[in-house]
Amino acid sequence: MKAEVVELPLFPLNVVLFPGQTLPLHIFEPRYRAMIQRCIEEDAPFGVLLAQDDDDGPHTIGTAARITQVERLADGRMNILTVGTERFELRNVRLSEDQYLIGDVVAYPFKNDQEPPEQLQSDVAKLLRQYLKLLANFSGVEFKMRQFPEDATALAVFAAIAMQLPLEDKQELLSTERVADILSLEADILEDELFTLSLMSAAVRPPEIDSNFLFSVN
């Protein structure tokens, strides 16, 4: 069955948005004011894509965002709150009359045709809990998360949102088609991150004083 192609206004940003993730935005450029106004009037989503530094244009895998709150400022700027809904793949792109990008996109759903092993899900949940606790310790924030999502897709997305990673790593997770492959990547990343955080934690820990070696600081 051929995938349905739909038209979507695009917002390339220095961010990777996942389904279910909230994203606040300050809209100030005239072209994006026009785009967001159109989305508000039509109750339509727009596409968020990670921008690239070169002339290759944005990445081709992104997430549709729906506007949930709008604050209009006196000079025409807007503060909006959005939430990611579903992934898409960009096929073609062109400029609108208002100079923002419009893309022809198709849905890019998470593929779960091969149920991830329960052990893999358990490993990711365990590693993620350790990772978040270490991050909380560094920031001085109390960690209160008691239960992670039990659904494999929800767990994969939650982990991708929760991890503090370079944007290109986030984009790789967003672009990976199968849930089992996303979880496998996350397990590897979490092991590496935990190793790094453990080294950092050891480096900032005060040295132990040997009680048999006492000296005066004067």
N, C-alpha and C. Protein backbone atom coordinates (compact mmCIF):
# COMPACT_ATOMS: atom_id res chain seq x y z
N MET A 1 0.84 -1.20 0.00
CA MET A 1 0.00 0.00 0.00
C MET A 1 0.88 1.25 0.00
N LYS A 2 0.60 2.16 -0.92
CA LYS A 2 1.41 3.36 -1.06
C LYS A 2 1.12 4.33 0.07
N ALA A 3 2.19 4.89 0.65
CA ALA A 3 2.03 5.82 1.77
C ALA A 3 1.38 7.11 1.29
N GLU A 4 0.49 7.65 2.10
CA GLU A 4 -0.20 8.90 1.76
C GLU A 4 0.75 10.08 1.96
N VAL A 5 0.84 10.92 0.95
CA VAL A 5 1.67 12.12 1.01
C VAL A 5 0.80 13.30 1.42
N VAL A 6 1.23 14.03 2.45
CA VAL A 6 0.49 15.20 2.92
C VAL A 6 1.42 16.41 2.93
N GLU A 7 0.82 17.57 2.88
CA GLU A 7 1.57 18.83 2.91
C GLU A 7 1.68 19.31 4.34
N LEU A 8 2.91 19.73 4.72
CA LEU A 8 3.14 20.14 6.10
C LEU A 8 4.09 21.34 6.12
N PRO A 9 3.71 22.44 6.75
CA PRO A 9 4.67 23.54 6.94
C PRO A 9 5.79 23.07 7.85
N LEU A 10 7.00 23.53 7.57
CA LEU A 10 8.18 23.02 8.27
C LEU A 10 8.89 24.11 9.07
N PHE A 11 9.42 23.68 10.22
CA PHE A 11 10.16 24.59 11.09
C PHE A 11 11.49 23.93 11.43
N PRO A 12 12.56 24.17 10.64
CA PRO A 12 13.88 23.62 10.99
C PRO A 12 14.41 24.32 12.24
N LEU A 13 14.85 23.53 13.21
CA LEU A 13 15.30 24.07 14.49
C LEU A 13 16.54 23.33 14.96
N ASN A 14 17.19 23.89 15.93
CA ASN A 14 18.35 23.25 16.54
C ASN A 14 17.87 22.37 17.70
N VAL A 15 16.94 21.46 17.37
CA VAL A 15 16.34 20.59 18.38
C VAL A 15 15.82 19.33 17.68
N VAL A 16 15.78 18.24 18.42
CA VAL A 16 15.17 17.00 17.93
C VAL A 16 13.94 16.74 18.79
N LEU A 17 12.78 16.72 18.16
CA LEU A 17 11.51 16.54 18.87
C LEU A 17 11.02 15.11 18.68
N PHE A 18 10.55 14.51 19.78
CA PHE A 18 10.00 13.16 19.74
C PHE A 18 8.50 13.20 20.00
N PRO A 19 7.76 12.22 19.50
CA PRO A 19 6.33 12.16 19.81
C PRO A 19 6.09 12.13 21.32
N GLY A 20 5.14 12.95 21.78
CA GLY A 20 4.84 13.03 23.20
C GLY A 20 5.66 14.04 23.96
N GLN A 21 6.67 14.61 23.33
CA GLN A 21 7.54 15.58 23.99
C GLN A 21 7.00 16.99 23.80
N THR A 22 7.03 17.80 24.86
CA THR A 22 6.59 19.18 24.75
C THR A 22 7.75 20.07 24.30
N LEU A 23 7.41 21.12 23.58
CA LEU A 23 8.43 22.03 23.05
C LEU A 23 7.88 23.46 23.07
N PRO A 24 8.40 24.32 23.97
CA PRO A 24 8.02 25.74 23.95
C PRO A 24 8.83 26.47 22.89
N LEU A 25 8.21 27.42 22.22
CA LEU A 25 8.88 28.18 21.16
C LEU A 25 8.51 29.65 21.25
N HIS A 26 9.49 30.48 20.96
CA HIS A 26 9.26 31.93 20.85
C HIS A 26 9.28 32.27 19.36
N ILE A 27 8.19 32.76 18.85
CA ILE A 27 8.05 33.02 17.41
C ILE A 27 8.21 34.51 17.15
N PHE A 28 9.26 34.87 16.42
CA PHE A 28 9.52 36.30 16.18
C PHE A 28 9.73 36.64 14.71
N GLU A 29 10.27 35.71 13.90
CA GLU A 29 10.48 36.01 12.49
C GLU A 29 9.15 36.14 11.77
N PRO A 30 9.00 37.14 10.88
CA PRO A 30 7.73 37.33 10.17
C PRO A 30 7.24 36.09 9.44
N ARG A 31 8.15 35.35 8.80
CA ARG A 31 7.71 34.17 8.05
C ARG A 31 7.12 33.10 8.97
N TYR A 32 7.71 32.95 10.15
CA TYR A 32 7.20 31.94 11.07
C TYR A 32 5.98 32.44 11.84
N ARG A 33 5.85 33.75 11.99
CA ARG A 33 4.60 34.28 12.53
C ARG A 33 3.45 33.91 11.59
N ALA A 34 3.69 34.09 10.29
CA ALA A 34 2.65 33.76 9.30
C ALA A 34 2.35 32.26 9.32
N MET A 35 3.38 31.45 9.42
CA MET A 35 3.19 29.99 9.44
C MET A 35 2.38 29.55 10.65
N ILE A 36 2.78 30.04 11.83
CA ILE A 36 2.09 29.64 13.06
C ILE A 36 0.66 30.16 13.06
N GLN A 37 0.44 31.37 12.55
CA GLN A 37 -0.92 31.91 12.48
C GLN A 37 -1.79 31.01 11.60
N ARG A 38 -1.25 30.56 10.49
CA ARG A 38 -2.00 29.65 9.62
C ARG A 38 -2.33 28.36 10.36
N CYS A 39 -1.36 27.81 11.09
CA CYS A 39 -1.59 26.57 11.84
C CYS A 39 -2.67 26.76 12.90
N ILE A 40 -2.67 27.93 13.56
CA ILE A 40 -3.68 28.21 14.57
C ILE A 40 -5.06 28.30 13.94
N GLU A 41 -5.16 29.04 12.85
CA GLU A 41 -6.45 29.23 12.19
C GLU A 41 -7.01 27.91 11.65
N GLU A 42 -6.15 27.05 11.16
CA GLU A 42 -6.60 25.79 10.56
C GLU A 42 -6.54 24.62 11.53
N ASP A 43 -6.11 24.89 12.78
CA ASP A 43 -5.93 23.83 13.78
C ASP A 43 -5.10 22.70 13.19
N ALA A 44 -3.99 23.09 12.59
CA ALA A 44 -3.14 22.15 11.85
C ALA A 44 -1.76 22.07 12.50
N PRO A 45 -1.08 20.94 12.35
CA PRO A 45 0.28 20.81 12.89
C PRO A 45 1.32 21.40 11.94
N PHE A 46 2.54 21.51 12.42
CA PHE A 46 3.68 21.83 11.56
C PHE A 46 4.78 20.83 11.87
N GLY A 47 5.75 20.74 10.99
CA GLY A 47 6.81 19.76 11.15
C GLY A 47 8.07 20.36 11.74
N VAL A 48 8.64 19.68 12.74
CA VAL A 48 9.92 20.10 13.33
C VAL A 48 11.01 19.18 12.81
N LEU A 49 12.03 19.78 12.24
CA LEU A 49 13.17 19.05 11.69
C LEU A 49 14.46 19.63 12.25
N LEU A 50 15.42 18.76 12.50
CA LEU A 50 16.73 19.23 12.94
C LEU A 50 17.45 19.89 11.77
N ALA A 51 17.82 21.15 11.94
CA ALA A 51 18.55 21.87 10.91
C ALA A 51 20.00 21.38 10.85
N GLN A 52 20.59 21.51 9.68
CA GLN A 52 21.99 21.16 9.51
C GLN A 52 22.80 22.41 9.25
N ASP A 53 24.10 22.35 9.55
CA ASP A 53 24.96 23.52 9.43
C ASP A 53 25.35 23.83 7.99
N ASP A 54 25.26 22.83 7.13
CA ASP A 54 25.71 23.05 5.74
C ASP A 54 24.51 23.40 4.86
N ASP A 55 24.69 23.28 3.54
CA ASP A 55 23.65 23.64 2.59
C ASP A 55 22.79 22.45 2.17
N ASP A 56 22.86 21.36 2.92
CA ASP A 56 22.09 20.18 2.56
C ASP A 56 20.63 20.26 2.99
N GLY A 57 20.25 21.33 3.69
CA GLY A 57 18.89 21.45 4.17
C GLY A 57 18.71 20.66 5.46
N PRO A 58 17.48 20.63 5.97
CA PRO A 58 17.24 19.93 7.23
C PRO A 58 17.29 18.42 7.06
N HIS A 59 17.34 17.70 8.17
CA HIS A 59 17.23 16.25 8.14
C HIS A 59 15.86 15.85 7.59
N THR A 60 15.76 14.65 7.11
CA THR A 60 14.52 14.23 6.44
C THR A 60 13.55 13.51 7.36
N ILE A 61 13.98 13.13 8.56
CA ILE A 61 13.07 12.51 9.52
C ILE A 61 12.80 13.51 10.63
N GLY A 62 11.52 13.82 10.84
CA GLY A 62 11.14 14.79 11.86
C GLY A 62 9.87 14.36 12.56
N THR A 63 9.32 15.27 13.33
CA THR A 63 8.11 14.98 14.10
C THR A 63 7.12 16.13 13.93
N ALA A 64 5.88 15.77 13.68
CA ALA A 64 4.82 16.78 13.61
C ALA A 64 4.55 17.32 15.00
N ALA A 65 4.30 18.63 15.09
CA ALA A 65 4.03 19.29 16.37
C ALA A 65 2.68 19.98 16.30
N ARG A 66 1.90 19.80 17.35
CA ARG A 66 0.60 20.47 17.43
C ARG A 66 0.66 21.54 18.51
N ILE A 67 0.09 22.70 18.22
CA ILE A 67 0.10 23.83 19.14
C ILE A 67 -0.96 23.62 20.22
N THR A 68 -0.55 23.72 21.48
CA THR A 68 -1.48 23.52 22.60
C THR A 68 -1.77 24.81 23.37
N GLN A 69 -0.84 25.76 23.33
CA GLN A 69 -1.05 27.04 24.02
C GLN A 69 -0.43 28.16 23.20
N VAL A 70 -1.05 29.34 23.26
CA VAL A 70 -0.55 30.50 22.53
C VAL A 70 -0.60 31.74 23.43
N GLU A 71 0.50 32.45 23.50
CA GLU A 71 0.55 33.75 24.17
C GLU A 71 0.97 34.79 23.14
N ARG A 72 0.07 35.72 22.84
CA ARG A 72 0.36 36.75 21.85
C ARG A 72 0.94 37.98 22.54
N LEU A 73 2.03 38.49 21.99
CA LEU A 73 2.66 39.68 22.53
C LEU A 73 2.24 40.90 21.72
N ALA A 74 2.42 42.07 22.31
CA ALA A 74 1.89 43.30 21.71
C ALA A 74 2.48 43.59 20.34
N ASP A 75 3.73 43.22 20.12
CA ASP A 75 4.40 43.55 18.84
C ASP A 75 4.23 42.47 17.78
N GLY A 76 3.37 41.49 18.02
CA GLY A 76 3.12 40.46 17.02
C GLY A 76 3.88 39.17 17.26
N ARG A 77 4.86 39.20 18.17
CA ARG A 77 5.55 37.96 18.50
C ARG A 77 4.63 37.04 19.29
N MET A 78 4.99 35.77 19.36
CA MET A 78 4.17 34.80 20.08
C MET A 78 5.05 33.85 20.87
N ASN A 79 4.56 33.45 22.02
CA ASN A 79 5.11 32.32 22.76
C ASN A 79 4.11 31.18 22.64
N ILE A 80 4.57 30.05 22.15
CA ILE A 80 3.65 28.93 21.98
C ILE A 80 4.21 27.69 22.68
N LEU A 81 3.31 26.81 23.05
CA LEU A 81 3.68 25.51 23.59
C LEU A 81 3.15 24.46 22.63
N THR A 82 4.00 23.53 22.27
CA THR A 82 3.63 22.49 21.32
C THR A 82 3.93 21.11 21.90
N VAL A 83 3.36 20.10 21.28
CA VAL A 83 3.65 18.72 21.67
C VAL A 83 3.84 17.90 20.39
N GLY A 84 4.87 17.05 20.39
CA GLY A 84 5.11 16.18 19.26
C GLY A 84 4.02 15.12 19.14
N THR A 85 3.61 14.82 17.90
CA THR A 85 2.54 13.84 17.70
C THR A 85 3.03 12.57 17.01
N GLU A 86 3.57 12.68 15.81
CA GLU A 86 4.03 11.49 15.11
C GLU A 86 5.22 11.82 14.21
N ARG A 87 6.02 10.79 13.94
CA ARG A 87 7.18 10.98 13.07
C ARG A 87 6.75 11.04 11.60
N PHE A 88 7.56 11.72 10.81
CA PHE A 88 7.31 11.76 9.37
C PHE A 88 8.64 11.72 8.62
N GLU A 89 8.53 11.38 7.35
CA GLU A 89 9.69 11.41 6.45
C GLU A 89 9.44 12.44 5.37
N LEU A 90 10.41 13.32 5.17
CA LEU A 90 10.30 14.39 4.19
C LEU A 90 10.66 13.88 2.80
N ARG A 91 9.77 14.13 1.84
CA ARG A 91 10.01 13.69 0.46
C ARG A 91 10.44 14.86 -0.44
N ASN A 92 9.73 15.95 -0.36
CA ASN A 92 10.04 17.13 -1.17
C ASN A 92 9.87 18.38 -0.32
N VAL A 93 10.53 19.45 -0.73
CA VAL A 93 10.41 20.70 0.02
C VAL A 93 10.41 21.87 -0.95
N ARG A 94 9.66 22.93 -0.58
CA ARG A 94 9.57 24.14 -1.41
C ARG A 94 9.29 25.33 -0.51
N LEU A 95 9.41 26.53 -1.06
CA LEU A 95 9.15 27.76 -0.30
C LEU A 95 7.71 28.20 -0.49
N SER A 96 7.10 28.65 0.59
CA SER A 96 5.76 29.21 0.50
C SER A 96 5.86 30.68 0.09
N GLU A 97 4.72 31.31 -0.14
CA GLU A 97 4.70 32.73 -0.49
C GLU A 97 5.26 33.59 0.65
N ASP A 98 5.12 33.09 1.88
CA ASP A 98 5.62 33.83 3.03
C ASP A 98 7.05 33.44 3.40
N GLN A 99 7.69 32.64 2.54
CA GLN A 99 9.10 32.30 2.67
C GLN A 99 9.43 31.28 3.76
N TYR A 100 8.44 30.56 4.27
CA TYR A 100 8.76 29.42 5.12
C TYR A 100 8.66 28.15 4.28
N LEU A 101 9.28 27.09 4.76
CA LEU A 101 9.33 25.85 4.01
C LEU A 101 8.03 25.06 4.14
N ILE A 102 7.64 24.43 3.04
CA ILE A 102 6.52 23.49 3.02
C ILE A 102 7.05 22.17 2.48
N GLY A 103 6.71 21.09 3.16
CA GLY A 103 7.20 19.78 2.74
C GLY A 103 6.08 18.83 2.36
N ASP A 104 6.39 17.94 1.45
CA ASP A 104 5.53 16.79 1.18
C ASP A 104 6.09 15.66 2.03
N VAL A 105 5.28 15.16 2.96
CA VAL A 105 5.77 14.18 3.93
C VAL A 105 4.87 12.96 3.95
N VAL A 106 5.43 11.86 4.43
CA VAL A 106 4.66 10.64 4.67
C VAL A 106 4.91 10.21 6.11
N ALA A 107 3.93 9.53 6.68
CA ALA A 107 4.07 9.06 8.06
C ALA A 107 5.23 8.08 8.17
N TYR A 108 5.93 8.14 9.28
CA TYR A 108 7.06 7.26 9.54
C TYR A 108 6.86 6.66 10.94
N PRO A 109 5.90 5.75 11.06
CA PRO A 109 5.56 5.22 12.39
C PRO A 109 6.65 4.31 12.93
N PHE A 110 6.65 4.15 14.25
CA PHE A 110 7.56 3.20 14.87
C PHE A 110 7.14 1.79 14.48
N LYS A 111 8.07 1.03 13.96
CA LYS A 111 7.77 -0.33 13.51
C LYS A 111 8.07 -1.29 14.66
N ASN A 112 7.05 -2.07 15.01
CA ASN A 112 7.17 -3.02 16.11
C ASN A 112 6.76 -4.41 15.65
N ASP A 113 7.21 -4.75 14.41
CA ASP A 113 6.85 -6.05 13.84
C ASP A 113 7.61 -7.20 14.51
N GLN A 114 8.72 -6.86 15.14
CA GLN A 114 9.48 -7.86 15.90
C GLN A 114 9.53 -7.40 17.36
N GLU A 115 8.73 -8.04 18.20
CA GLU A 115 8.65 -7.64 19.60
C GLU A 115 10.03 -7.68 20.25
N PRO A 116 10.46 -6.57 20.83
CA PRO A 116 11.78 -6.56 21.48
C PRO A 116 11.83 -7.57 22.61
N PRO A 117 12.96 -8.24 22.80
CA PRO A 117 13.09 -9.18 23.92
C PRO A 117 12.80 -8.48 25.25
N GLU A 118 12.13 -9.19 26.13
CA GLU A 118 11.82 -8.61 27.45
C GLU A 118 13.09 -8.24 28.20
N GLN A 119 14.15 -9.03 28.00
CA GLN A 119 15.41 -8.74 28.69
C GLN A 119 15.98 -7.40 28.24
N LEU A 120 15.84 -7.10 26.93
CA LEU A 120 16.33 -5.82 26.41
C LEU A 120 15.56 -4.67 27.03
N GLN A 121 14.24 -4.79 27.10
CA GLN A 121 13.43 -3.74 27.73
C GLN A 121 13.81 -3.56 29.19
N SER A 122 14.01 -4.69 29.88
CA SER A 122 14.39 -4.64 31.29
C SER A 122 15.75 -3.98 31.46
N ASP A 123 16.68 -4.29 30.56
CA ASP A 123 18.02 -3.70 30.64
C ASP A 123 17.97 -2.19 30.44
N VAL A 124 17.21 -1.75 29.44
CA VAL A 124 17.11 -0.31 29.17
C VAL A 124 16.50 0.41 30.37
N ALA A 125 15.43 -0.15 30.93
CA ALA A 125 14.78 0.47 32.08
C ALA A 125 15.75 0.56 33.27
N LYS A 126 16.50 -0.51 33.50
CA LYS A 126 17.45 -0.53 34.62
C LYS A 126 18.57 0.48 34.40
N LEU A 127 19.14 0.49 33.20
CA LEU A 127 20.22 1.42 32.90
C LEU A 127 19.74 2.86 32.95
N LEU A 128 18.54 3.09 32.45
CA LEU A 128 18.00 4.45 32.44
C LEU A 128 17.77 4.96 33.85
N ARG A 129 17.29 4.09 34.72
CA ARG A 129 17.07 4.49 36.11
C ARG A 129 18.40 4.90 36.76
N GLN A 130 19.45 4.10 36.53
CA GLN A 130 20.76 4.42 37.08
C GLN A 130 21.29 5.74 36.51
N TYR A 131 21.10 5.91 35.23
CA TYR A 131 21.56 7.12 34.54
C TYR A 131 20.87 8.37 35.09
N LEU A 132 19.56 8.31 35.24
CA LEU A 132 18.82 9.47 35.73
C LEU A 132 19.17 9.78 37.19
N LYS A 133 19.43 8.75 37.98
CA LYS A 133 19.83 8.97 39.36
C LYS A 133 21.18 9.68 39.43
N LEU A 134 22.12 9.27 38.57
CA LEU A 134 23.42 9.93 38.55
C LEU A 134 23.29 11.39 38.10
N LEU A 135 22.47 11.63 37.08
CA LEU A 135 22.24 13.00 36.64
C LEU A 135 21.62 13.84 37.75
N ALA A 136 20.67 13.23 38.46
CA ALA A 136 20.03 13.95 39.56
C ALA A 136 21.03 14.29 40.65
N ASN A 137 21.95 13.37 40.94
CA ASN A 137 22.96 13.63 41.95
C ASN A 137 23.85 14.79 41.56
N PHE A 138 24.21 14.86 40.27
CA PHE A 138 25.06 15.95 39.80
C PHE A 138 24.35 17.29 39.89
N SER A 139 23.05 17.30 39.60
CA SER A 139 22.30 18.55 39.58
C SER A 139 21.69 18.90 40.92
N GLY A 140 21.75 17.97 41.88
CA GLY A 140 21.17 18.23 43.19
C GLY A 140 19.66 18.12 43.22
N VAL A 141 19.08 17.45 42.20
CA VAL A 141 17.63 17.27 42.13
C VAL A 141 17.28 15.88 42.62
N GLU A 142 16.22 15.79 43.41
CA GLU A 142 15.80 14.49 43.93
C GLU A 142 15.12 13.69 42.84
N PHE A 143 15.51 12.45 42.68
CA PHE A 143 14.95 11.56 41.65
C PHE A 143 13.77 10.79 42.24
N LYS A 144 12.57 10.97 41.66
CA LYS A 144 11.37 10.37 42.22
C LYS A 144 10.66 9.42 41.24
N MET A 145 11.22 9.19 40.06
CA MET A 145 10.57 8.33 39.07
C MET A 145 10.51 6.90 39.59
N ARG A 146 9.31 6.40 39.78
CA ARG A 146 9.15 5.06 40.35
C ARG A 146 8.95 3.98 39.30
N GLN A 147 8.27 4.31 38.20
CA GLN A 147 7.96 3.29 37.21
C GLN A 147 8.09 3.87 35.81
N PHE A 148 8.78 3.15 34.95
CA PHE A 148 8.90 3.56 33.56
C PHE A 148 7.80 2.90 32.73
N PRO A 149 7.56 3.40 31.51
CA PRO A 149 6.53 2.78 30.65
C PRO A 149 6.83 1.30 30.41
N GLU A 150 5.79 0.48 30.43
CA GLU A 150 5.97 -0.94 30.19
C GLU A 150 5.91 -1.29 28.72
N ASP A 151 5.19 -0.47 27.94
CA ASP A 151 5.13 -0.68 26.49
C ASP A 151 6.49 -0.38 25.87
N ALA A 152 6.93 -1.25 24.96
CA ALA A 152 8.27 -1.12 24.39
C ALA A 152 8.46 0.19 23.64
N THR A 153 7.47 0.58 22.83
CA THR A 153 7.59 1.82 22.07
C THR A 153 7.63 3.03 23.01
N ALA A 154 6.75 3.03 24.00
CA ALA A 154 6.72 4.15 24.96
C ALA A 154 8.03 4.24 25.74
N LEU A 155 8.60 3.10 26.10
CA LEU A 155 9.88 3.09 26.82
C LEU A 155 10.99 3.65 25.94
N ALA A 156 11.03 3.22 24.68
CA ALA A 156 12.06 3.69 23.75
C ALA A 156 11.99 5.20 23.57
N VAL A 157 10.78 5.73 23.42
CA VAL A 157 10.61 7.17 23.23
C VAL A 157 10.96 7.93 24.52
N PHE A 158 10.51 7.40 25.66
CA PHE A 158 10.80 8.04 26.94
C PHE A 158 12.30 8.13 27.18
N ALA A 159 13.01 7.05 26.91
CA ALA A 159 14.46 7.04 27.10
C ALA A 159 15.14 8.04 26.17
N ALA A 160 14.68 8.10 24.92
CA ALA A 160 15.28 9.03 23.96
C ALA A 160 15.10 10.47 24.40
N ILE A 161 13.94 10.79 24.98
CA ILE A 161 13.68 12.15 25.45
C ILE A 161 14.51 12.44 26.70
N ALA A 162 14.61 11.46 27.59
CA ALA A 162 15.24 11.68 28.90
C ALA A 162 16.75 11.83 28.82
N MET A 163 17.39 11.16 27.87
CA MET A 163 18.85 11.18 27.83
C MET A 163 19.38 12.52 27.32
N GLN A 164 20.42 13.01 27.98
CA GLN A 164 21.09 14.25 27.59
C GLN A 164 22.20 13.90 26.59
N LEU A 165 21.89 14.05 25.31
CA LEU A 165 22.80 13.58 24.26
C LEU A 165 23.03 14.67 23.22
N PRO A 166 24.12 14.57 22.45
CA PRO A 166 24.30 15.47 21.30
C PRO A 166 23.13 15.31 20.33
N LEU A 167 22.83 16.39 19.61
CA LEU A 167 21.67 16.38 18.72
C LEU A 167 21.75 15.30 17.65
N GLU A 168 22.95 15.05 17.14
CA GLU A 168 23.08 14.04 16.10
C GLU A 168 22.75 12.65 16.64
N ASP A 169 23.07 12.38 17.90
CA ASP A 169 22.71 11.10 18.52
C ASP A 169 21.20 11.01 18.70
N LYS A 170 20.59 12.12 19.11
CA LYS A 170 19.13 12.15 19.23
C LYS A 170 18.48 11.90 17.87
N GLN A 171 19.05 12.51 16.83
CA GLN A 171 18.50 12.35 15.50
C GLN A 171 18.61 10.89 15.04
N GLU A 172 19.70 10.24 15.37
CA GLU A 172 19.85 8.84 15.01
C GLU A 172 18.76 7.98 15.66
N LEU A 173 18.45 8.26 16.91
CA LEU A 173 17.39 7.53 17.59
C LEU A 173 16.04 7.80 16.93
N LEU A 174 15.78 9.08 16.62
CA LEU A 174 14.51 9.43 15.98
C LEU A 174 14.37 8.79 14.61
N SER A 175 15.48 8.64 13.90
CA SER A 175 15.45 8.13 12.53
C SER A 175 15.41 6.61 12.45
N THR A 176 15.67 5.92 13.55
CA THR A 176 15.70 4.46 13.54
C THR A 176 14.27 3.93 13.47
N GLU A 177 14.03 3.02 12.53
CA GLU A 177 12.67 2.61 12.22
C GLU A 177 12.07 1.67 13.25
N ARG A 178 12.82 0.62 13.63
CA ARG A 178 12.27 -0.42 14.49
C ARG A 178 12.52 -0.14 15.98
N VAL A 179 11.50 -0.42 16.76
CA VAL A 179 11.58 -0.18 18.20
C VAL A 179 12.69 -1.00 18.82
N ALA A 180 12.82 -2.27 18.40
CA ALA A 180 13.87 -3.13 18.96
C ALA A 180 15.25 -2.55 18.69
N ASP A 181 15.45 -1.96 17.51
CA ASP A 181 16.74 -1.36 17.19
C ASP A 181 16.99 -0.09 18.01
N ILE A 182 15.92 0.68 18.26
CA ILE A 182 16.07 1.88 19.09
C ILE A 182 16.49 1.49 20.50
N LEU A 183 15.82 0.48 21.06
CA LEU A 183 16.16 0.03 22.41
C LEU A 183 17.58 -0.50 22.48
N SER A 184 18.01 -1.21 21.44
CA SER A 184 19.37 -1.74 21.42
C SER A 184 20.40 -0.60 21.39
N LEU A 185 20.13 0.43 20.58
CA LEU A 185 21.01 1.60 20.54
C LEU A 185 21.05 2.29 21.90
N GLU A 186 19.88 2.41 22.53
CA GLU A 186 19.80 3.09 23.81
C GLU A 186 20.55 2.32 24.89
N ALA A 187 20.48 1.01 24.85
CA ALA A 187 21.22 0.21 25.84
C ALA A 187 22.72 0.48 25.71
N ASP A 188 23.22 0.51 24.48
CA ASP A 188 24.65 0.78 24.26
C ASP A 188 25.02 2.19 24.72
N ILE A 189 24.17 3.16 24.37
CA ILE A 189 24.45 4.55 24.75
C ILE A 189 24.45 4.70 26.26
N LEU A 190 23.46 4.09 26.91
CA LEU A 190 23.34 4.22 28.36
C LEU A 190 24.54 3.59 29.08
N GLU A 191 25.03 2.48 28.57
CA GLU A 191 26.22 1.87 29.18
C GLU A 191 27.41 2.81 29.08
N ASP A 192 27.58 3.43 27.91
CA ASP A 192 28.68 4.39 27.73
C ASP A 192 28.50 5.61 28.63
N GLU A 193 27.28 6.12 28.70
CA GLU A 193 27.01 7.31 29.51
C GLU A 193 27.23 7.03 30.99
N LEU A 194 26.80 5.85 31.44
CA LEU A 194 26.99 5.49 32.84
C LEU A 194 28.46 5.38 33.20
N PHE A 195 29.24 4.83 32.28
CA PHE A 195 30.68 4.73 32.51
C PHE A 195 31.30 6.12 32.65
N THR A 196 30.91 7.02 31.75
CA THR A 196 31.44 8.38 31.78
C THR A 196 31.01 9.11 33.06
N LEU A 197 29.73 8.98 33.40
CA LEU A 197 29.23 9.65 34.61
C LEU A 197 29.89 9.09 35.87
N SER A 198 30.16 7.79 35.88
CA SER A 198 30.82 7.18 37.03
C SER A 198 32.23 7.73 37.20
N LEU A 199 32.94 7.91 36.08
CA LEU A 199 34.28 8.49 36.13
C LEU A 199 34.22 9.93 36.64
N MET A 200 33.23 10.69 36.16
CA MET A 200 33.08 12.08 36.60
C MET A 200 32.76 12.14 38.08
N SER A 201 31.90 11.22 38.53
CA SER A 201 31.53 11.19 39.94
C SER A 201 32.74 10.88 40.82
N ALA A 202 33.57 9.96 40.36
CA ALA A 202 34.77 9.61 41.13
C ALA A 202 35.76 10.77 41.15
N ALA A 203 35.79 11.53 40.05
CA ALA A 203 36.76 12.63 39.95
C ALA A 203 36.42 13.77 40.90
N VAL A 204 35.13 13.98 41.17
CA VAL A 204 34.75 15.10 42.03
C VAL A 204 34.57 14.68 43.49
N ARG A 205 34.67 13.39 43.78
CA ARG A 205 34.52 12.92 45.15
C ARG A 205 35.75 13.32 45.97
N PRO A 206 35.56 13.87 47.17
CA PRO A 206 36.71 14.26 48.01
C PRO A 206 37.58 13.05 48.32
N PRO A 207 38.89 13.20 48.31
CA PRO A 207 39.77 12.07 48.59
C PRO A 207 39.64 11.60 50.03
N GLU A 208 39.75 10.30 50.22
CA GLU A 208 39.70 9.74 51.57
C GLU A 208 41.02 10.01 52.28
N ILE A 209 40.92 10.34 53.57
CA ILE A 209 42.12 10.65 54.37
C ILE A 209 42.55 9.41 55.13
N ASP A 210 43.77 9.06 54.94
CA ASP A 210 44.33 7.92 55.67
C ASP A 210 44.52 8.32 57.13
N SER A 211 43.81 7.64 58.04
CA SER A 211 43.88 8.01 59.46
C SER A 211 45.28 7.74 60.03
N ASN A 212 46.09 6.94 59.35
CA ASN A 212 47.44 6.67 59.83
C ASN A 212 48.45 7.73 59.37
N PHE A 213 47.93 8.68 58.56
CA PHE A 213 48.84 9.69 58.04
C PHE A 213 48.24 11.07 58.33
N LEU A 214 48.48 11.57 59.52
CA LEU A 214 47.94 12.84 59.93
C LEU A 214 49.01 13.91 59.82
N PHE A 215 48.61 15.08 59.37
CA PHE A 215 49.56 16.17 59.23
C PHE A 215 48.87 17.49 59.49
N SER A 216 49.69 18.49 59.75
CA SER A 216 49.18 19.81 60.01
C SER A 216 49.24 20.64 58.73
N VAL A 217 48.20 21.45 58.49
CA VAL A 217 48.19 22.30 57.29
C VAL A 217 48.94 23.60 57.54
N ASN A 218 49.46 23.82 58.76
CA ASN A 218 50.18 25.05 59.07
C ASN A 218 51.67 24.90 58.77
